[in-house]
Amino acid sequence: AKKYEPVRLLFGMPRNMDGSYGFQSEKVKEFAQAVLK
């Protein structure tokens, strides 16, 4: 991010086919929190 200087980081959010969030989406949110620190 420092190298490319984006205005935004975009995290792909896994969703189930019915649109609900599953276990993997929690892992992505946790990783996003680590990056945003």
Full PDB file with SEQRES, HELIX, SHEET, SSBOND, CRYST1, ORIGX, SCALE, CONECT and MASTER records, all heavy atoms in Angstrom:
SEQRES   1 A   37  ALA LYS LYS TYR GLU PRO VAL ARG LEU LEU PHE GLY MET          
SEQRES   2 A   37  PRO ARG ASN MET ASP GLY SER TYR GLY PHE GLN SER GLU          
SEQRES   3 A   37  LYS VAL LYS GLU PHE ALA GLN ALA VAL LEU LYS                  
HELIX    1 AA1 PHE A   23  LEU A   36  1                                  14    
CRYST1    1.000    1.000    1.000  90.00  90.00  90.00 P 1           1          
ORIGX1      1.000000  0.000000  0.000000        0.00000                         
ORIGX2      0.000000  1.000000  0.000000        0.00000                         
ORIGX3      0.000000  0.000000  1.000000        0.00000                         
SCALE1      1.000000  0.000000  0.000000        0.00000                         
SCALE2      0.000000  1.000000  0.000000        0.00000                         
SCALE3      0.000000  0.000000  1.000000        0.00000                         
ATOM      1  N   ALA A   1       0.833  -1.203   0.000  1.00  0.00           N  
ATOM      2  CA  ALA A   1       0.000   0.000   0.000  1.00  0.00           C  
ATOM      3  C   ALA A   1       0.874   1.261   0.000  1.00  0.00           C  
ATOM      4  O   ALA A   1       0.559   2.240  -0.690  1.00  0.00           O  
ATOM      5  CB  ALA A   1      -0.947  -0.006   1.196  1.00  0.00           C  
ATOM      6  N   LYS A   2       1.963   1.236   0.732  1.00  0.00           N  
ATOM      7  CA  LYS A   2       2.871   2.389   0.731  1.00  0.00           C  
ATOM      8  C   LYS A   2       3.471   2.592  -0.662  1.00  0.00           C  
ATOM      9  O   LYS A   2       3.627   3.719  -1.128  1.00  0.00           O  
ATOM     10  CB  LYS A   2       3.990   2.198   1.757  1.00  0.00           C  
ATOM     11  CG  LYS A   2       3.534   2.364   3.182  1.00  0.00           C  
ATOM     12  CD  LYS A   2       4.655   2.060   4.155  1.00  0.00           C  
ATOM     13  CE  LYS A   2       4.112   1.953   5.574  1.00  0.00           C  
ATOM     14  NZ  LYS A   2       5.066   1.342   6.492  1.00  0.00           N  
ATOM     15  N   LYS A   3       3.798   1.493  -1.310  1.00  0.00           N  
ATOM     16  CA  LYS A   3       4.423   1.571  -2.632  1.00  0.00           C  
ATOM     17  C   LYS A   3       3.460   2.099  -3.696  1.00  0.00           C  
ATOM     18  O   LYS A   3       3.819   2.954  -4.499  1.00  0.00           O  
ATOM     19  CB  LYS A   3       4.936   0.181  -3.041  1.00  0.00           C  
ATOM     20  CG  LYS A   3       5.586   0.135  -4.400  1.00  0.00           C  
ATOM     21  CD  LYS A   3       6.107  -1.252  -4.717  1.00  0.00           C  
ATOM     22  CE  LYS A   3       6.711  -1.286  -6.111  1.00  0.00           C  
ATOM     23  NZ  LYS A   3       7.225  -2.619  -6.432  1.00  0.00           N  
ATOM     24  N   TYR A   4       2.216   1.595  -3.702  1.00  0.00           N  
ATOM     25  CA  TYR A   4       1.260   1.947  -4.756  1.00  0.00           C  
ATOM     26  C   TYR A   4       0.349   3.119  -4.393  1.00  0.00           C  
ATOM     27  O   TYR A   4      -0.357   3.632  -5.242  1.00  0.00           O  
ATOM     28  CB  TYR A   4       0.430   0.718  -5.157  1.00  0.00           C  
ATOM     29  CG  TYR A   4       1.263  -0.271  -5.922  1.00  0.00           C  
ATOM     30  CD1 TYR A   4       1.896  -1.320  -5.276  1.00  0.00           C  
ATOM     31  CD2 TYR A   4       1.471  -0.118  -7.289  1.00  0.00           C  
ATOM     32  CE1 TYR A   4       2.691  -2.213  -5.964  1.00  0.00           C  
ATOM     33  CE2 TYR A   4       2.269  -1.008  -7.992  1.00  0.00           C  
ATOM     34  CZ  TYR A   4       2.876  -2.054  -7.325  1.00  0.00           C  
ATOM     35  OH  TYR A   4       3.668  -2.933  -8.020  1.00  0.00           O  
ATOM     36  N   GLU A   5       0.352   3.522  -3.124  1.00  0.00           N  
ATOM     37  CA  GLU A   5      -0.427   4.658  -2.645  1.00  0.00           C  
ATOM     38  C   GLU A   5      -1.891   4.640  -3.079  1.00  0.00           C  
ATOM     39  O   GLU A   5      -2.381   5.587  -3.695  1.00  0.00           O  
ATOM     40  CB  GLU A   5       0.238   5.965  -3.081  1.00  0.00           C  
ATOM     41  CG  GLU A   5       1.656   6.125  -2.573  1.00  0.00           C  
ATOM     42  CD  GLU A   5       2.330   7.398  -3.054  1.00  0.00           C  
ATOM     43  OE1 GLU A   5       1.850   8.021  -4.027  1.00  0.00           O  
ATOM     44  OE2 GLU A   5       3.338   7.758  -2.446  1.00  0.00           O  
ATOM     45  N   PRO A   6      -2.609   3.571  -2.765  1.00  0.00           N  
ATOM     46  CA  PRO A   6      -4.026   3.536  -3.142  1.00  0.00           C  
ATOM     47  C   PRO A   6      -4.859   4.470  -2.272  1.00  0.00           C  
ATOM     48  O   PRO A   6      -4.480   4.780  -1.139  1.00  0.00           O  
ATOM     49  CB  PRO A   6      -4.416   2.076  -2.876  1.00  0.00           C  
ATOM     50  CG  PRO A   6      -3.521   1.678  -1.742  1.00  0.00           C  
ATOM     51  CD  PRO A   6      -2.221   2.389  -2.009  1.00  0.00           C  
ATOM     52  N   VAL A   7      -5.992   4.894  -2.818  1.00  0.00           N  
ATOM     53  CA  VAL A   7      -6.933   5.681  -2.007  1.00  0.00           C  
ATOM     54  C   VAL A   7      -7.764   4.749  -1.141  1.00  0.00           C  
ATOM     55  O   VAL A   7      -8.378   5.179  -0.176  1.00  0.00           O  
ATOM     56  CB  VAL A   7      -7.864   6.566  -2.863  1.00  0.00           C  
ATOM     57  CG1 VAL A   7      -7.062   7.620  -3.608  1.00  0.00           C  
ATOM     58  CG2 VAL A   7      -8.703   5.738  -3.824  1.00  0.00           C  
ATOM     59  N   ARG A   8      -7.767   3.461  -1.502  1.00  0.00           N  
ATOM     60  CA  ARG A   8      -8.610   2.509  -0.776  1.00  0.00           C  
ATOM     61  C   ARG A   8      -8.036   1.102  -0.905  1.00  0.00           C  
ATOM     62  O   ARG A   8      -7.531   0.717  -1.952  1.00  0.00           O  
ATOM     63  CB  ARG A   8     -10.012   2.549  -1.383  1.00  0.00           C  
ATOM     64  CG  ARG A   8     -11.034   1.680  -0.732  1.00  0.00           C  
ATOM     65  CD  ARG A   8     -12.436   1.968  -1.276  1.00  0.00           C  
ATOM     66  NE  ARG A   8     -12.764   3.365  -1.016  1.00  0.00           N  
ATOM     67  CZ  ARG A   8     -13.354   4.167  -1.909  1.00  0.00           C  
ATOM     68  NH1 ARG A   8     -13.677   3.717  -3.088  1.00  0.00           N  
ATOM     69  NH2 ARG A   8     -13.620   5.416  -1.601  1.00  0.00           N  
ATOM     70  N   LEU A   9      -8.147   0.346   0.181  1.00  0.00           N  
ATOM     71  CA  LEU A   9      -7.878  -1.090   0.143  1.00  0.00           C  
ATOM     72  C   LEU A   9      -9.222  -1.783   0.003  1.00  0.00           C  
ATOM     73  O   LEU A   9     -10.180  -1.444   0.712  1.00  0.00           O  
ATOM     74  CB  LEU A   9      -7.206  -1.568   1.431  1.00  0.00           C  
ATOM     75  CG  LEU A   9      -5.770  -1.147   1.687  1.00  0.00           C  
ATOM     76  CD1 LEU A   9      -5.257  -1.792   2.976  1.00  0.00           C  
ATOM     77  CD2 LEU A   9      -4.864  -1.510   0.537  1.00  0.00           C  
ATOM     78  N   LEU A  10      -9.285  -2.737  -0.884  1.00  0.00           N  
ATOM     79  CA  LEU A  10     -10.520  -3.465  -1.130  1.00  0.00           C  
ATOM     80  C   LEU A  10     -10.302  -4.923  -0.734  1.00  0.00           C  
ATOM     81  O   LEU A  10      -9.408  -5.584  -1.262  1.00  0.00           O  
ATOM     82  CB  LEU A  10     -10.893  -3.371  -2.611  1.00  0.00           C  
ATOM     83  CG  LEU A  10     -12.180  -4.061  -3.029  1.00  0.00           C  
ATOM     84  CD1 LEU A  10     -13.383  -3.347  -2.416  1.00  0.00           C  
ATOM     85  CD2 LEU A  10     -12.289  -4.080  -4.549  1.00  0.00           C  
ATOM     86  N   PHE A  11     -11.107  -5.397   0.188  1.00  0.00           N  
ATOM     87  CA  PHE A  11     -11.022  -6.778   0.640  1.00  0.00           C  
ATOM     88  C   PHE A  11     -12.165  -7.567   0.003  1.00  0.00           C  
ATOM     89  O   PHE A  11     -13.332  -7.190   0.155  1.00  0.00           O  
ATOM     90  CB  PHE A  11     -11.146  -6.859   2.165  1.00  0.00           C  
ATOM     91  CG  PHE A  11     -10.019  -6.197   2.894  1.00  0.00           C  
ATOM     92  CD1 PHE A  11     -10.080  -4.849   3.220  1.00  0.00           C  
ATOM     93  CD2 PHE A  11      -8.887  -6.909   3.253  1.00  0.00           C  
ATOM     94  CE1 PHE A  11      -9.037  -4.222   3.888  1.00  0.00           C  
ATOM     95  CE2 PHE A  11      -7.837  -6.289   3.922  1.00  0.00           C  
ATOM     96  CZ  PHE A  11      -7.915  -4.947   4.240  1.00  0.00           C  
ATOM     97  N   GLY A  12     -11.826  -8.643  -0.701  1.00  0.00           N  
ATOM     98  CA  GLY A  12     -12.869  -9.517  -1.229  1.00  0.00           C  
ATOM     99  C   GLY A  12     -13.573 -10.194  -0.059  1.00  0.00           C  
ATOM    100  O   GLY A  12     -12.919 -10.762   0.814  1.00  0.00           O  
ATOM    101  N   MET A  13     -14.898 -10.085  -0.022  1.00  0.00           N  
ATOM    102  CA  MET A  13     -15.677 -10.640   1.085  1.00  0.00           C  
ATOM    103  C   MET A  13     -16.419 -11.893   0.616  1.00  0.00           C  
ATOM    104  O   MET A  13     -17.318 -11.807  -0.210  1.00  0.00           O  
ATOM    105  CB  MET A  13     -16.679  -9.598   1.595  1.00  0.00           C  
ATOM    106  CG  MET A  13     -17.538 -10.093   2.739  1.00  0.00           C  
ATOM    107  SD  MET A  13     -16.617 -10.692   4.178  1.00  0.00           S  
ATOM    108  CE  MET A  13     -15.927  -9.185   4.808  1.00  0.00           C  
ATOM    109  N   PRO A  14     -16.016 -13.045   1.141  1.00  0.00           N  
ATOM    110  CA  PRO A  14     -16.696 -14.281   0.749  1.00  0.00           C  
ATOM    111  C   PRO A  14     -18.110 -14.323   1.315  1.00  0.00           C  
ATOM    112  O   PRO A  14     -18.331 -13.988   2.478  1.00  0.00           O  
ATOM    113  CB  PRO A  14     -15.835 -15.386   1.344  1.00  0.00           C  
ATOM    114  CG  PRO A  14     -14.924 -14.747   2.318  1.00  0.00           C  
ATOM    115  CD  PRO A  14     -14.936 -13.268   2.073  1.00  0.00           C  
ATOM    116  N   ARG A  15     -19.030 -14.694   0.448  1.00  0.00           N  
ATOM    117  CA  ARG A  15     -20.420 -14.826   0.873  1.00  0.00           C  
ATOM    118  C   ARG A  15     -20.948 -16.149   0.361  1.00  0.00           C  
ATOM    119  O   ARG A  15     -20.486 -16.676  -0.643  1.00  0.00           O  
ATOM    120  CB  ARG A  15     -21.257 -13.680   0.315  1.00  0.00           C  
ATOM    121  CG  ARG A  15     -20.816 -12.335   0.861  1.00  0.00           C  
ATOM    122  CD  ARG A  15     -21.621 -11.232   0.294  1.00  0.00           C  
ATOM    123  NE  ARG A  15     -22.813 -11.059   1.127  1.00  0.00           N  
ATOM    124  CZ  ARG A  15     -23.549  -9.973   1.111  1.00  0.00           C  
ATOM    125  NH1 ARG A  15     -23.263  -8.975   0.318  1.00  0.00           N  
ATOM    126  NH2 ARG A  15     -24.606  -9.877   1.884  1.00  0.00           N  
ATOM    127  N   ASN A  16     -21.932 -16.648   1.066  1.00  0.00           N  
ATOM    128  CA  ASN A  16     -22.609 -17.860   0.610  1.00  0.00           C  
ATOM    129  C   ASN A  16     -23.496 -17.492  -0.580  1.00  0.00           C  
ATOM    130  O   ASN A  16     -23.792 -16.316  -0.814  1.00  0.00           O  
ATOM    131  CB  ASN A  16     -23.444 -18.450   1.749  1.00  0.00           C  
ATOM    132  CG  ASN A  16     -22.582 -18.864   2.921  1.00  0.00           C  
ATOM    133  OD1 ASN A  16     -21.483 -19.380   2.748  1.00  0.00           O  
ATOM    134  ND2 ASN A  16     -23.062 -18.612   4.133  1.00  0.00           N  
ATOM    135  N   MET A  17     -23.925 -18.497  -1.319  1.00  0.00           N  
ATOM    136  CA  MET A  17     -24.736 -18.229  -2.508  1.00  0.00           C  
ATOM    137  C   MET A  17     -26.049 -17.513  -2.182  1.00  0.00           C  
ATOM    138  O   MET A  17     -26.585 -16.800  -3.008  1.00  0.00           O  
ATOM    139  CB  MET A  17     -25.006 -19.527  -3.287  1.00  0.00           C  
ATOM    140  CG  MET A  17     -23.753 -20.098  -3.934  1.00  0.00           C  
ATOM    141  SD  MET A  17     -22.768 -18.912  -4.885  1.00  0.00           S  
ATOM    142  CE  MET A  17     -23.881 -18.533  -6.206  1.00  0.00           C  
ATOM    143  N   ASP A  18     -26.548 -17.662  -0.955  1.00  0.00           N  
ATOM    144  CA  ASP A  18     -27.787 -16.966  -0.564  1.00  0.00           C  
ATOM    145  C   ASP A  18     -27.507 -15.546  -0.066  1.00  0.00           C  
ATOM    146  O   ASP A  18     -28.419 -14.844   0.370  1.00  0.00           O  
ATOM    147  CB  ASP A  18     -28.544 -17.765   0.499  1.00  0.00           C  
ATOM    148  CG  ASP A  18     -27.788 -17.890   1.819  1.00  0.00           C  
ATOM    149  OD1 ASP A  18     -26.678 -17.332   1.950  1.00  0.00           O  
ATOM    150  OD2 ASP A  18     -28.332 -18.549   2.726  1.00  0.00           O  
ATOM    151  N   GLY A  19     -26.237 -15.125  -0.118  1.00  0.00           N  
ATOM    152  CA  GLY A  19     -25.878 -13.765   0.279  1.00  0.00           C  
ATOM    153  C   GLY A  19     -25.448 -13.630   1.733  1.00  0.00           C  
ATOM    154  O   GLY A  19     -24.970 -12.577   2.144  1.00  0.00           O  
ATOM    155  N   SER A  20     -25.606 -14.682   2.507  1.00  0.00           N  
ATOM    156  CA  SER A  20     -25.215 -14.613   3.917  1.00  0.00           C  
ATOM    157  C   SER A  20     -23.692 -14.716   4.051  1.00  0.00           C  
ATOM    158  O   SER A  20     -22.992 -15.110   3.121  1.00  0.00           O  
ATOM    159  CB  SER A  20     -25.897 -15.740   4.706  1.00  0.00           C  
ATOM    160  OG  SER A  20     -25.448 -17.004   4.243  1.00  0.00           O  
ATOM    161  N   TYR A  21     -23.212 -14.338   5.219  1.00  0.00           N  
ATOM    162  CA  TYR A  21     -21.778 -14.401   5.497  1.00  0.00           C  
ATOM    163  C   TYR A  21     -21.478 -15.689   6.247  1.00  0.00           C  
ATOM    164  O   TYR A  21     -22.189 -16.057   7.161  1.00  0.00           O  
ATOM    165  CB  TYR A  21     -21.339 -13.208   6.341  1.00  0.00           C  
ATOM    166  CG  TYR A  21     -21.505 -11.896   5.620  1.00  0.00           C  
ATOM    167  CD1 TYR A  21     -22.597 -11.079   5.865  1.00  0.00           C  
ATOM    168  CD2 TYR A  21     -20.578 -11.493   4.678  1.00  0.00           C  
ATOM    169  CE1 TYR A  21     -22.754  -9.883   5.189  1.00  0.00           C  
ATOM    170  CE2 TYR A  21     -20.722 -10.301   3.998  1.00  0.00           C  
ATOM    171  CZ  TYR A  21     -21.817  -9.501   4.260  1.00  0.00           C  
ATOM    172  OH  TYR A  21     -21.967  -8.323   3.580  1.00  0.00           O  
ATOM    173  N   GLY A  22     -20.371 -16.322   5.866  1.00  0.00           N  
ATOM    174  CA  GLY A  22     -19.990 -17.576   6.502  1.00  0.00           C  
ATOM    175  C   GLY A  22     -18.737 -17.420   7.339  1.00  0.00           C  
ATOM    176  O   GLY A  22     -18.268 -16.316   7.619  1.00  0.00           O  
ATOM    177  N   PHE A  23     -18.187 -18.550   7.711  1.00  0.00           N  
ATOM    178  CA  PHE A  23     -17.001 -18.607   8.561  1.00  0.00           C  
ATOM    179  C   PHE A  23     -15.808 -17.901   7.916  1.00  0.00           C  
ATOM    180  O   PHE A  23     -15.061 -17.191   8.583  1.00  0.00           O  
ATOM    181  CB  PHE A  23     -16.674 -20.075   8.861  1.00  0.00           C  
ATOM    182  CG  PHE A  23     -15.487 -20.261   9.751  1.00  0.00           C  
ATOM    183  CD1 PHE A  23     -15.516 -19.869  11.079  1.00  0.00           C  
ATOM    184  CD2 PHE A  23     -14.322 -20.836   9.255  1.00  0.00           C  
ATOM    185  CE1 PHE A  23     -14.410 -20.037  11.900  1.00  0.00           C  
ATOM    186  CE2 PHE A  23     -13.210 -21.011  10.068  1.00  0.00           C  
ATOM    187  CZ  PHE A  23     -13.261 -20.613  11.395  1.00  0.00           C  
ATOM    188  N   GLN A  24     -15.622 -18.079   6.620  1.00  0.00           N  
ATOM    189  CA  GLN A  24     -14.477 -17.474   5.931  1.00  0.00           C  
ATOM    190  C   GLN A  24     -14.556 -15.948   5.945  1.00  0.00           C  
ATOM    191  O   GLN A  24     -13.531 -15.278   6.014  1.00  0.00           O  
ATOM    192  CB  GLN A  24     -14.379 -18.000   4.491  1.00  0.00           C  
ATOM    193  CG  GLN A  24     -13.044 -17.738   3.830  1.00  0.00           C  
ATOM    194  CD  GLN A  24     -11.870 -18.453   4.494  1.00  0.00           C  
ATOM    195  OE1 GLN A  24     -12.023 -19.520   5.092  1.00  0.00           O  
ATOM    196  NE2 GLN A  24     -10.699 -17.873   4.397  1.00  0.00           N  
ATOM    197  N   SER A  25     -15.754 -15.401   5.927  1.00  0.00           N  
ATOM    198  CA  SER A  25     -15.881 -13.941   5.949  1.00  0.00           C  
ATOM    199  C   SER A  25     -15.376 -13.368   7.274  1.00  0.00           C  
ATOM    200  O   SER A  25     -14.821 -12.264   7.306  1.00  0.00           O  
ATOM    201  CB  SER A  25     -17.323 -13.507   5.673  1.00  0.00           C  
ATOM    202  OG  SER A  25     -18.186 -13.969   6.680  1.00  0.00           O  
ATOM    203  N   GLU A  26     -15.526 -14.111   8.358  1.00  0.00           N  
ATOM    204  CA  GLU A  26     -14.994 -13.660   9.648  1.00  0.00           C  
ATOM    205  C   GLU A  26     -13.473 -13.605   9.606  1.00  0.00           C  
ATOM    206  O   GLU A  26     -12.858 -12.691  10.160  1.00  0.00           O  
ATOM    207  CB  GLU A  26     -15.464 -14.580  10.784  1.00  0.00           C  
ATOM    208  CG  GLU A  26     -16.948 -14.458  11.095  1.00  0.00           C  
ATOM    209  CD  GLU A  26     -17.356 -13.037  11.451  1.00  0.00           C  
ATOM    210  OE1 GLU A  26     -16.630 -12.374  12.230  1.00  0.00           O  
ATOM    211  OE2 GLU A  26     -18.401 -12.573  10.938  1.00  0.00           O  
ATOM    212  N   LYS A  27     -12.853 -14.576   8.927  1.00  0.00           N  
ATOM    213  CA  LYS A  27     -11.391 -14.588   8.794  1.00  0.00           C  
ATOM    214  C   LYS A  27     -10.912 -13.368   7.995  1.00  0.00           C  
ATOM    215  O   LYS A  27      -9.888 -12.774   8.317  1.00  0.00           O  
ATOM    216  CB  LYS A  27     -10.927 -15.869   8.112  1.00  0.00           C  
ATOM    217  CG  LYS A  27     -11.109 -17.118   8.948  1.00  0.00           C  
ATOM    218  CD  LYS A  27     -10.595 -18.314   8.179  1.00  0.00           C  
ATOM    219  CE  LYS A  27     -10.740 -19.601   8.935  1.00  0.00           C  
ATOM    220  NZ  LYS A  27     -10.194 -20.739   8.159  1.00  0.00           N  
ATOM    221  N   VAL A  28     -11.670 -13.023   6.955  1.00  0.00           N  
ATOM    222  CA  VAL A  28     -11.301 -11.853   6.146  1.00  0.00           C  
ATOM    223  C   VAL A  28     -11.427 -10.574   6.979  1.00  0.00           C  
ATOM    224  O   VAL A  28     -10.549  -9.711   6.941  1.00  0.00           O  
ATOM    225  CB  VAL A  28     -12.162 -11.759   4.863  1.00  0.00           C  
ATOM    226  CG1 VAL A  28     -11.935 -10.439   4.138  1.00  0.00           C  
ATOM    227  CG2 VAL A  28     -11.855 -12.935   3.939  1.00  0.00           C  
ATOM    228  N   LYS A  29     -12.489 -10.460   7.754  1.00  0.00           N  
ATOM    229  CA  LYS A  29     -12.662  -9.279   8.621  1.00  0.00           C  
ATOM    230  C   LYS A  29     -11.522  -9.173   9.628  1.00  0.00           C  
ATOM    231  O   LYS A  29     -11.003  -8.080   9.872  1.00  0.00           O  
ATOM    232  CB  LYS A  29     -13.998  -9.346   9.361  1.00  0.00           C  
ATOM    233  CG  LYS A  29     -15.198  -9.086   8.484  1.00  0.00           C  
ATOM    234  CD  LYS A  29     -16.468  -9.194   9.321  1.00  0.00           C  
ATOM    235  CE  LYS A  29     -17.702  -9.206   8.459  1.00  0.00           C  
ATOM    236  NZ  LYS A  29     -18.921  -9.428   9.252  1.00  0.00           N  
ATOM    237  N   GLU A  30     -11.122 -10.297  10.204  1.00  0.00           N  
ATOM    238  CA  GLU A  30     -10.013 -10.297  11.165  1.00  0.00           C  
ATOM    239  C   GLU A  30      -8.710  -9.869  10.497  1.00  0.00           C  
ATOM    240  O   GLU A  30      -7.939  -9.090  11.062  1.00  0.00           O  
ATOM    241  CB  GLU A  30      -9.852 -11.679  11.803  1.00  0.00           C  
ATOM    242  CG  GLU A  30     -10.949 -12.033  12.776  1.00  0.00           C  
ATOM    243  CD  GLU A  30     -10.886 -13.476  13.242  1.00  0.00           C  
ATOM    244  OE1 GLU A  30      -9.858 -14.160  13.012  1.00  0.00           O  
ATOM    245  OE2 GLU A  30     -11.881 -13.945  13.826  1.00  0.00           O  
ATOM    246  N   PHE A  31      -8.470 -10.363   9.283  1.00  0.00           N  
ATOM    247  CA  PHE A  31      -7.250  -9.973   8.578  1.00  0.00           C  
ATOM    248  C   PHE A  31      -7.319  -8.489   8.218  1.00  0.00           C  
ATOM    249  O   PHE A  31      -6.311  -7.772   8.343  1.00  0.00           O  
ATOM    250  CB  PHE A  31      -7.037 -10.828   7.320  1.00  0.00           C  
ATOM    251  CG  PHE A  31      -5.750 -10.489   6.628  1.00  0.00           C  
ATOM    252  CD1 PHE A  31      -4.533 -10.857   7.176  1.00  0.00           C  
ATOM    253  CD2 PHE A  31      -5.750  -9.783   5.441  1.00  0.00           C  
ATOM    254  CE1 PHE A  31      -3.335 -10.527   6.558  1.00  0.00           C  
ATOM    255  CE2 PHE A  31      -4.562  -9.445   4.815  1.00  0.00           C  
ATOM    256  CZ  PHE A  31      -3.354  -9.820   5.375  1.00  0.00           C  
ATOM    257  N   ALA A  32      -8.469  -8.021   7.789  1.00  0.00           N  
ATOM    258  CA  ALA A  32      -8.629  -6.598   7.468  1.00  0.00           C  
ATOM    259  C   ALA A  32      -8.303  -5.740   8.686  1.00  0.00           C  
ATOM    260  O   ALA A  32      -7.612  -4.717   8.571  1.00  0.00           O  
ATOM    261  CB  ALA A  32     -10.046  -6.324   6.976  1.00  0.00           C  
ATOM    262  N   GLN A  33      -8.757  -6.152   9.856  1.00  0.00           N  
ATOM    263  CA  GLN A  33      -8.462  -5.396  11.082  1.00  0.00           C  
ATOM    264  C   GLN A  33      -6.956  -5.350  11.334  1.00  0.00           C  
ATOM    265  O   GLN A  33      -6.423  -4.316  11.742  1.00  0.00           O  
ATOM    266  CB  GLN A  33      -9.186  -6.006  12.276  1.00  0.00           C  
ATOM    267  CG  GLN A  33     -10.680  -5.770  12.260  1.00  0.00           C  
ATOM    268  CD  GLN A  33     -11.403  -6.518  13.375  1.00  0.00           C  
ATOM    269  OE1 GLN A  33     -10.848  -7.394  14.035  1.00  0.00           O  
ATOM    270  NE2 GLN A  33     -12.667  -6.165  13.574  1.00  0.00           N  
ATOM    271  N   ALA A  34      -6.261  -6.453  11.088  1.00  0.00           N  
ATOM    272  CA  ALA A  34      -4.805  -6.491  11.279  1.00  0.00           C  
ATOM    273  C   ALA A  34      -4.111  -5.534  10.303  1.00  0.00           C  
ATOM    274  O   ALA A  34      -3.184  -4.810  10.690  1.00  0.00           O  
ATOM    275  CB  ALA A  34      -4.283  -7.913  11.093  1.00  0.00           C  
ATOM    276  N   VAL A  35      -4.568  -5.507   9.059  1.00  0.00           N  
ATOM    277  CA  VAL A  35      -3.974  -4.607   8.069  1.00  0.00           C  
ATOM    278  C   VAL A  35      -4.240  -3.152   8.449  1.00  0.00           C  
ATOM    279  O   VAL A  35      -3.361  -2.299   8.360  1.00  0.00           O  
ATOM    280  CB  VAL A  35      -4.512  -4.907   6.645  1.00  0.00           C  
ATOM    281  CG1 VAL A  35      -4.046  -3.845   5.655  1.00  0.00           C  
ATOM    282  CG2 VAL A  35      -4.069  -6.288   6.180  1.00  0.00           C  
ATOM    283  N   LEU A  36      -5.456  -2.874   8.898  1.00  0.00           N  
ATOM    284  CA  LEU A  36      -5.817  -1.494   9.217  1.00  0.00           C  
ATOM    285  C   LEU A  36      -5.119  -0.971  10.465  1.00  0.00           C  
ATOM    286  O   LEU A  36      -5.095   0.237  10.697  1.00  0.00           O  
ATOM    287  CB  LEU A  36      -7.338  -1.365   9.329  1.00  0.00           C  
ATOM    288  CG  LEU A  36      -8.068  -1.659   8.011  1.00  0.00           C  
ATOM    289  CD1 LEU A  36      -9.574  -1.695   8.218  1.00  0.00           C  
ATOM    290  CD2 LEU A  36      -7.680  -0.672   6.927  1.00  0.00           C  
ATOM    291  N   LYS A  37      -4.512  -1.863  11.245  1.00  0.00           N  
ATOM    292  CA  LYS A  37      -3.691  -1.424  12.375  1.00  0.00           C  
ATOM    293  C   LYS A  37      -2.375  -0.830  11.896  1.00  0.00           C  
ATOM    294  O   LYS A  37      -1.775  -0.011  12.577  1.00  0.00           O  
ATOM    295  CB  LYS A  37      -3.394  -2.597  13.326  1.00  0.00           C  
ATOM    296  CG  LYS A  37      -4.565  -3.000  14.178  1.00  0.00           C  
ATOM    297  CD  LYS A  37      -4.172  -4.158  15.089  1.00  0.00           C  
ATOM    298  CE  LYS A  37      -5.374  -4.632  15.883  1.00  0.00           C  
ATOM    299  NZ  LYS A  37      -5.044  -5.818  16.695  1.00  0.00           N  
TER     300      LYS A  37                                                      
MASTER        0    0    0    1    0    0    0    6  299    1    0    3          
END                                                                             
